[in-house]
Structure formats: structure tokens, C-alpha cells
C-alpha atoms as a PDB file:
ATOM      1  CA  ILE A   1     114.084 238.411  58.740  1.00  0.00           C
ATOM      2  CA  ILE A   2     110.783 240.230  59.257  1.00  0.00           C
ATOM      3  CA  GLY A   3     109.654 238.108  62.152  1.00  0.00           C
ATOM      4  CA  ASN A   4     106.414 236.270  61.685  1.00  0.00           C
ATOM      5  CA  PRO A   5     103.628 238.838  61.440  1.00  0.00           C
ATOM      6  CA  GLN A   6     101.183 236.097  60.448  1.00  0.00           C
ATOM      7  CA  ASN A   7     101.579 234.643  63.957  1.00  0.00           C
ATOM      8  CA  THR A   8     100.061 237.797  65.449  1.00  0.00           C
ATOM      9  CA  LEU A   9      96.889 237.448  63.380  1.00  0.00           C
ATOM     10  CA  LYS A  10      93.616 235.593  63.906  1.00  0.00           C
ATOM     11  CA  CYS A  11      92.796 234.167  60.487  1.00  0.00           C
ATOM     12  CA  ILE A  12      89.973 232.512  58.621  1.00  0.00           C
ATOM     13  CA  HIS A  13      91.498 230.555  55.735  1.00  0.00           C
ATOM     14  CA  ILE A  14      89.529 229.786  52.571  1.00  0.00           C
ATOM     15  CA  ALA A  15      90.392 227.474  49.663  1.00  0.00           C
ATOM     16  CA  GLY A  16      88.473 225.845  46.820  1.00  0.00           C
ATOM     17  CA  THR A  17      88.000 225.829  43.076  1.00  0.00           C
ATOM     18  CA  ASN A  18      84.965 228.080  42.773  1.00  0.00           C
ATOM     19  CA  GLY A  19      83.390 230.443  45.264  1.00  0.00           C
ATOM     20  CA  LYS A  20      86.357 231.139  47.528  1.00  0.00           C
ATOM     21  CA  GLY A  21      86.461 234.819  46.536  1.00  0.00           C
ATOM     22  CA  SER A  22      82.750 235.271  47.188  1.00  0.00           C
ATOM     23  CA  VAL A  23      82.973 233.437  50.521  1.00  0.00           C
ATOM     24  CA  SER A  24      85.991 235.562  51.484  1.00  0.00           C
ATOM     25  CA  PHE A  25      84.276 238.859  50.678  1.00  0.00           C
ATOM     26  CA  MET A  26      81.019 237.845  52.391  1.00  0.00           C
ATOM     27  CA  THR A  27      82.851 236.626  55.503  1.00  0.00           C
ATOM     28  CA  ALA A  28      84.889 239.835  55.743  1.00  0.00           C
ATOM     29  CA  SER A  29      81.760 241.932  55.260  1.00  0.00           C
ATOM     30  CA  ILE A  30      79.812 240.094  57.971  1.00  0.00           C
ATOM     31  CA  LEU A  31      82.704 240.426  60.413  1.00  0.00           C
ATOM     32  CA  LYS A  32      83.113 244.136  59.633  1.00  0.00           C
ATOM     33  CA  GLU A  33      79.401 244.737  60.221  1.00  0.00           C
ATOM     34  CA  SER A  34      79.812 242.925  63.558  1.00  0.00           C
ATOM     35  CA  GLY A  35      82.290 245.602  64.634  1.00  0.00           C
ATOM     36  CA  TYR A  36      85.620 243.943  63.908  1.00  0.00           C
ATOM     37  CA  LYS A  37      88.594 245.476  62.130  1.00  0.00           C
ATOM     38  CA  VAL A  38      88.924 242.947  59.307  1.00  0.00           C
ATOM     39  CA  GLY A  39      91.796 242.380  56.932  1.00  0.00           C
ATOM     40  CA  LEU A  40      90.971 240.716  53.629  1.00  0.00           C
ATOM     41  CA  TYR A  41      93.534 239.118  51.337  1.00  0.00           C
ATOM     42  CA  THR A  42      92.374 237.845  47.952  1.00  0.00           C
ATOM     43  CA  SER A  43      93.684 237.219  44.471  1.00  0.00           C
ATOM     44  CA  PRO A  44      93.733 237.944  41.680  1.00  0.00           C
ATOM     45  CA  SER A  45      92.779 241.585  41.475  1.00  0.00           C
ATOM     46  CA  ILE A  46      90.181 242.695  38.938  1.00  0.00           C
ATOM     47  CA  MET A  47      90.839 246.409  38.402  1.00  0.00           C
ATOM     48  CA  ASP A  48      93.521 247.486  40.875  1.00  0.00           C
ATOM     49  CA  PHE A  49      96.335 245.526  42.532  1.00  0.00           C
ATOM     50  CA  ARG A  50      95.347 247.108  45.868  1.00  0.00           C
ATOM     51  CA  GLU A  51      92.058 245.150  45.832  1.00  0.00           C
ATOM     52  CA  ARG A  52      94.060 242.167  47.093  1.00  0.00           C
ATOM     53  CA  ILE A  53      94.812 243.766  50.455  1.00  0.00           C
ATOM     54  CA  GLN A  54      91.945 245.492  52.237  1.00  0.00           C
ATOM     55  CA  ILE A  55      90.894 246.499  55.726  1.00  0.00           C
ATOM     56  CA  ASN A  56      87.167 246.987  56.324  1.00  0.00           C
ATOM     57  CA  ASN A  57      86.421 247.109  52.588  1.00  0.00           C
ATOM     58  CA  LYS A  58      89.064 249.798  51.938  1.00  0.00           C
ATOM     59  CA  MET A  59      91.979 249.003  49.676  1.00  0.00           C
ATOM     60  CA  ILE A  60      95.471 249.407  51.047  1.00  0.00           C
ATOM     61  CA  PRO A  61      96.648 252.973  50.380  1.00  0.00           C
ATOM     62  CA  LYS A  62      99.149 253.490  47.561  1.00  0.00           C
ATOM     63  CA  THR A  63     101.572 255.043  50.055  1.00  0.00           C
ATOM     64  CA  LYS A  64     101.493 251.837  52.137  1.00  0.00           C
ATOM     65  CA  ILE A  65     102.245 249.729  49.058  1.00  0.00           C
ATOM     66  CA  CYS A  66     105.286 251.929  48.404  1.00  0.00           C
ATOM     67  CA  GLU A  67     106.403 251.678  52.053  1.00  0.00           C
ATOM     68  CA  LEU A  68     106.074 247.894  52.018  1.00  0.00           C
ATOM     69  CA  VAL A  69     107.981 247.537  48.745  1.00  0.00           C
ATOM     70  CA  GLU A  70     110.774 249.679  50.198  1.00  0.00           C
ATOM     71  CA  PHE A  71     110.731 247.584  53.377  1.00  0.00           C
ATOM     72  CA  PHE A  72     110.984 244.299  51.459  1.00  0.00           C
ATOM     73  CA  GLU A  73     113.479 245.469  48.810  1.00  0.00           C
ATOM     74  CA  PRO A  74     116.635 244.616  50.809  1.00  0.00           C
ATOM     75  CA  ILE A  75     115.161 241.223  51.637  1.00  0.00           C
ATOM     76  CA  LEU A  76     114.400 240.524  47.978  1.00  0.00           C
ATOM     77  CA  ASN A  77     117.939 241.514  47.032  1.00  0.00           C
ATOM     78  CA  ASN A  78     119.413 239.149  49.628  1.00  0.00           C
ATOM     79  CA  HIS A  79     121.712 236.579  48.049  1.00  0.00           C
ATOM     80  CA  LYS A  80     119.896 233.757  49.893  1.00  0.00           C
ATOM     81  CA  PHE A  81     117.030 234.087  47.436  1.00  0.00           C
ATOM     82  CA  SER A  82     119.076 234.159  44.217  1.00  0.00           C
ATOM     83  CA  ASN A  83     118.647 230.398  43.636  1.00  0.00           C
ATOM     84  CA  ASP A  84     115.040 230.335  44.796  1.00  0.00           C
ATOM     85  CA  PRO A  85     113.500 233.720  44.009  1.00  0.00           C
ATOM     86  CA  ILE A  86     110.417 234.865  45.853  1.00  0.00           C
ATOM     87  CA  THR A  87     107.308 234.865  43.661  1.00  0.00           C
ATOM     88  CA  GLU A  88     105.020 237.868  43.285  1.00  0.00           C
ATOM     89  CA  PHE A  89     102.316 236.009  45.199  1.00  0.00           C
ATOM     90  CA  GLU A  90     104.694 235.181  48.067  1.00  0.00           C
ATOM     91  CA  LEU A  91     105.798 238.814  48.272  1.00  0.00           C
ATOM     92  CA  THR A  92     102.226 240.093  48.156  1.00  0.00           C
ATOM     93  CA  THR A  93     101.248 237.623  50.883  1.00  0.00           C
ATOM     94  CA  ALA A  94     104.135 238.760  53.102  1.00  0.00           C
ATOM     95  CA  MET A  95     103.166 242.392  52.476  1.00  0.00           C
ATOM     96  CA  ALA A  96      99.580 241.632  53.471  1.00  0.00           C
ATOM     97  CA  PHE A  97     100.600 239.856  56.681  1.00  0.00           C
ATOM     98  CA  LYS A  98     102.878 242.733  57.671  1.00  0.00           C
ATOM     99  CA  PHE A  99     100.230 245.343  56.836  1.00  0.00           C
ATOM    100  CA  PHE A 100      97.474 243.529  58.771  1.00  0.00           C
ATOM    101  CA  SER A 101      99.774 243.019  61.753  1.00  0.00           C
ATOM    102  CA  ASP A 102     100.985 246.644  61.749  1.00  0.00           C
ATOM    103  CA  GLU A 103      97.379 247.850  61.514  1.00  0.00           C
ATOM    104  CA  LYS A 104      96.320 245.528  64.350  1.00  0.00           C
ATOM    105  CA  CYS A 105      93.436 243.834  62.569  1.00  0.00           C
ATOM    106  CA  ASP A 106      91.094 241.908  64.846  1.00  0.00           C
ATOM    107  CA  LEU A 107      90.560 239.218  62.205  1.00  0.00           C
ATOM    108  CA  VAL A 108      91.950 238.414  58.763  1.00  0.00           C
ATOM    109  CA  VAL A 109      90.207 236.522  55.974  1.00  0.00           C
ATOM    110  CA  LEU A 110      92.725 234.799  53.698  1.00  0.00           C
ATOM    111  CA  GLU A 111      91.912 233.407  50.287  1.00  0.00           C
ATOM    112  CA  THR A 112      94.423 230.933  48.911  1.00  0.00           C
ATOM    113  CA  GLY A 113      95.951 231.721  45.557  1.00  0.00           C
ATOM    114  CA  MET A 114      96.108 228.229  44.086  1.00  0.00           C
ATOM    115  CA  GLY A 115      95.723 224.961  45.874  1.00  0.00           C
ATOM    116  CA  GLY A 116      96.285 225.215  49.584  1.00  0.00           C
ATOM    117  CA  ARG A 117      98.894 222.838  50.943  1.00  0.00           C
ATOM    118  CA  LEU A 118     101.844 224.658  49.323  1.00  0.00           C
ATOM    119  CA  ASP A 119     100.153 228.059  49.022  1.00  0.00           C
ATOM    120  CA  ALA A 120     101.972 231.047  50.547  1.00  0.00           C
ATOM    121  CA  THR A 121      98.922 231.782  52.721  1.00  0.00           C
ATOM    122  CA  ASN A 122      99.291 228.371  54.364  1.00  0.00           C
ATOM    123  CA  VAL A 123     102.167 229.646  56.491  1.00  0.00           C
ATOM    124  CA  ILE A 124      99.614 230.386  59.215  1.00  0.00           C
ATOM    125  CA  LYS A 125      99.891 227.813  61.980  1.00  0.00           C
ATOM    126  CA  LYS A 126      96.395 227.656  63.416  1.00  0.00           C
ATOM    127  CA  PRO A 127      93.538 229.515  61.776  1.00  0.00           C
ATOM    128  CA  LEU A 128      90.377 230.192  63.721  1.00  0.00           C
ATOM    129  CA  CYS A 129      88.512 228.407  60.964  1.00  0.00           C
ATOM    130  CA  SER A 130      89.234 226.879  57.569  1.00  0.00           C
ATOM    131  CA  ALA A 131      86.692 226.681  54.786  1.00  0.00           C
ATOM    132  CA  VAL A 132      86.831 224.789  51.528  1.00  0.00           C
ATOM    133  CA  THR A 133      84.383 225.704  48.777  1.00  0.00           C
ATOM    134  CA  SER A 134      83.542 223.536  45.788  1.00  0.00           C
ATOM    135  CA  ILE A 135      86.272 221.377  44.296  1.00  0.00           C
ATOM    136  CA  SER A 136      86.572 220.440  40.663  1.00  0.00           C
ATOM    137  CA  LEU A 137      89.311 220.210  38.064  1.00  0.00           C
ATOM    138  CA  ASP A 138      91.444 223.364  37.982  1.00  0.00           C
ATOM    139  CA  ASN A 139      95.148 224.102  37.630  1.00  0.00           C
ATOM    140  CA  THR A 140      95.638 220.415  36.835  1.00  0.00           C
ATOM    141  CA  GLU A 141      99.236 220.984  35.709  1.00  0.00           C
ATOM    142  CA  MET A 142     100.117 222.082  39.255  1.00  0.00           C
ATOM    143  CA  LEU A 143      97.557 220.387  41.502  1.00  0.00           C
ATOM    144  CA  GLY A 144      96.905 217.037  39.820  1.00  0.00           C
ATOM    145  CA  ASN A 145      94.607 215.661  37.163  1.00  0.00           C
ATOM    146  CA  THR A 146      91.832 214.228  39.356  1.00  0.00           C
ATOM    147  CA  ALA A 147      89.359 215.782  41.751  1.00  0.00           C
ATOM    148  CA  GLU A 148      90.860 213.645  44.523  1.00  0.00           C
ATOM    149  CA  LYS A 149      94.398 215.000  43.945  1.00  0.00           C
ATOM    150  CA  ILE A 150      93.112 218.569  43.770  1.00  0.00           C
ATOM    151  CA  ALA A 151      91.075 218.054  46.953  1.00  0.00           C
ATOM    152  CA  THR A 152      94.179 216.760  48.738  1.00  0.00           C
ATOM    153  CA  GLU A 153      95.997 219.984  47.851  1.00  0.00           C
ATOM    154  CA  LYS A 154      93.104 222.251  48.831  1.00  0.00           C
ATOM    155  CA  PHE A 155      92.443 220.357  52.075  1.00  0.00           C
ATOM    156  CA  GLY A 156      96.077 221.110  52.946  1.00  0.00           C
ATOM    157  CA  ILE A 157      94.867 224.272  54.720  1.00  0.00           C
ATOM    158  CA  ILE A 158      92.986 222.201  57.292  1.00  0.00           C
ATOM    159  CA  LYS A 159      94.910 222.065  60.561  1.00  0.00           C
ATOM    160  CA  PRO A 160      94.442 219.708  63.538  1.00  0.00           C
ATOM    161  CA  ASP A 161      91.914 220.896  66.118  1.00  0.00           C
ATOM    162  CA  CYS A 162      90.704 223.683  63.832  1.00  0.00           C
ATOM    163  CA  GLN A 163      87.069 224.271  62.974  1.00  0.00           C
ATOM    164  CA  THR A 164      86.478 223.494  59.298  1.00  0.00           C
ATOM    165  CA  VAL A 165      83.569 224.262  57.017  1.00  0.00           C
ATOM    166  CA  LEU A 166      83.114 222.218  53.847  1.00  0.00           C
ATOM    167  CA  VAL A 167      80.539 223.155  51.238  1.00  0.00           C
ATOM    168  CA  PRO A 168      78.897 220.518  49.062  1.00  0.00           C
ATOM    169  CA  PHE A 169      81.370 219.371  46.437  1.00  0.00           C
ATOM    170  CA  ILE A 170      80.664 218.959  42.747  1.00  0.00           C
ATOM    171  CA  ASP A 171      82.599 215.676  42.698  1.00  0.00           C
ATOM    172  CA  ASP A 172      81.398 213.440  45.557  1.00  0.00           C
ATOM    173  CA  SER A 173      84.619 211.384  45.449  1.00  0.00           C
ATOM    174  CA  VAL A 174      86.444 214.083  47.412  1.00  0.00           C
ATOM    175  CA  TYR A 175      84.370 213.489  50.562  1.00  0.00           C
ATOM    176  CA  ASN A 176      86.535 210.472  51.419  1.00  0.00           C
ATOM    177  CA  ILE A 177      89.623 212.702  51.536  1.00  0.00           C
ATOM    178  CA  ALA A 178      88.163 215.267  53.954  1.00  0.00           C
END
């Protein structure tokens, strides 16, 4: 319906239990200082919803949020989605992809919301790089009740022939999954 704006983007995809926000912000900052126009998508927000979608450390303007909501409104009201409504995170992710594509970002740093394999950010086909920070028990009701099950979900962002960075894990049992 909107095309696939994520396919126009060069992304660095980050998942993990702890540290993924810090890694995302540091990566975006380093890339910005290197002269790139860098989109950053994170969650959750701390003070302002617009923190989730940034370009070069500047939050998306309120007017752009309004424009994107108006753009997506007919899609959200489409009867196809009545049995399987789009979540807020899925909508926000789609808004971010469209915004970054429209603004012609050189690079985009994406932080997963929860997990990885089934996360809305995982719609990207081939990131430039994937990174997985520490893994421990979190969101066990959705991701599984062992570090191995959670690691399987978070490692779901890793694509074939894609550079991947793994930080030391709290639970060594997840190394066998990577």
C-alpha cells in the first residue's frame, strides 16, 4: 500500500535485553559525527514520543508526525486490518521507515522493540550490520522462559551474509545458538 520504504534504507539493526538503546544512540552519534545523515529509531520514549524517530539527534518535527498520521489514517481504516489490527509499534515503525526514506537518510539505526524475529523492525531484508547486546531473561511471557529461547528470538534479526556483532552475554548458554 505504501510501497516498501524500508527497502530504500541502509540499516544497522540492534537487538538485546540490556544495552540496545545505548548502543543505538552511540552508533547513530558516531555515524553523524562521521558526516552521515543518520536516522535513529528507538523505543520506548522517555519524555516525548518524538524521541523514537530522530535524524542527526533531532526529534521528528510535530508537523511531520501529524502528516504521517494523516497519511496512514486511510490505511489503518482499511477493512483488511479489522481482524488483525496494526499495533502502535507497527504503525510507529512504518512511520519511521517512511520518514527516513522521504528524508533520504544515508544510514538508519534501528532498535528492536521486543525480541527480534517477529519484531516490526525485522521487516528489513538485509541490514548492513546486526548487533545483539546482552541477553538475559526478559519478556518471558512473549519470548520464552529460558535464555536460550530468548536468544533465539533476538538472534532472529541476523540475516545470511550480514556482518554481525555480538557482545559478551550474561548467560553463556546462548553462545551455542549464535
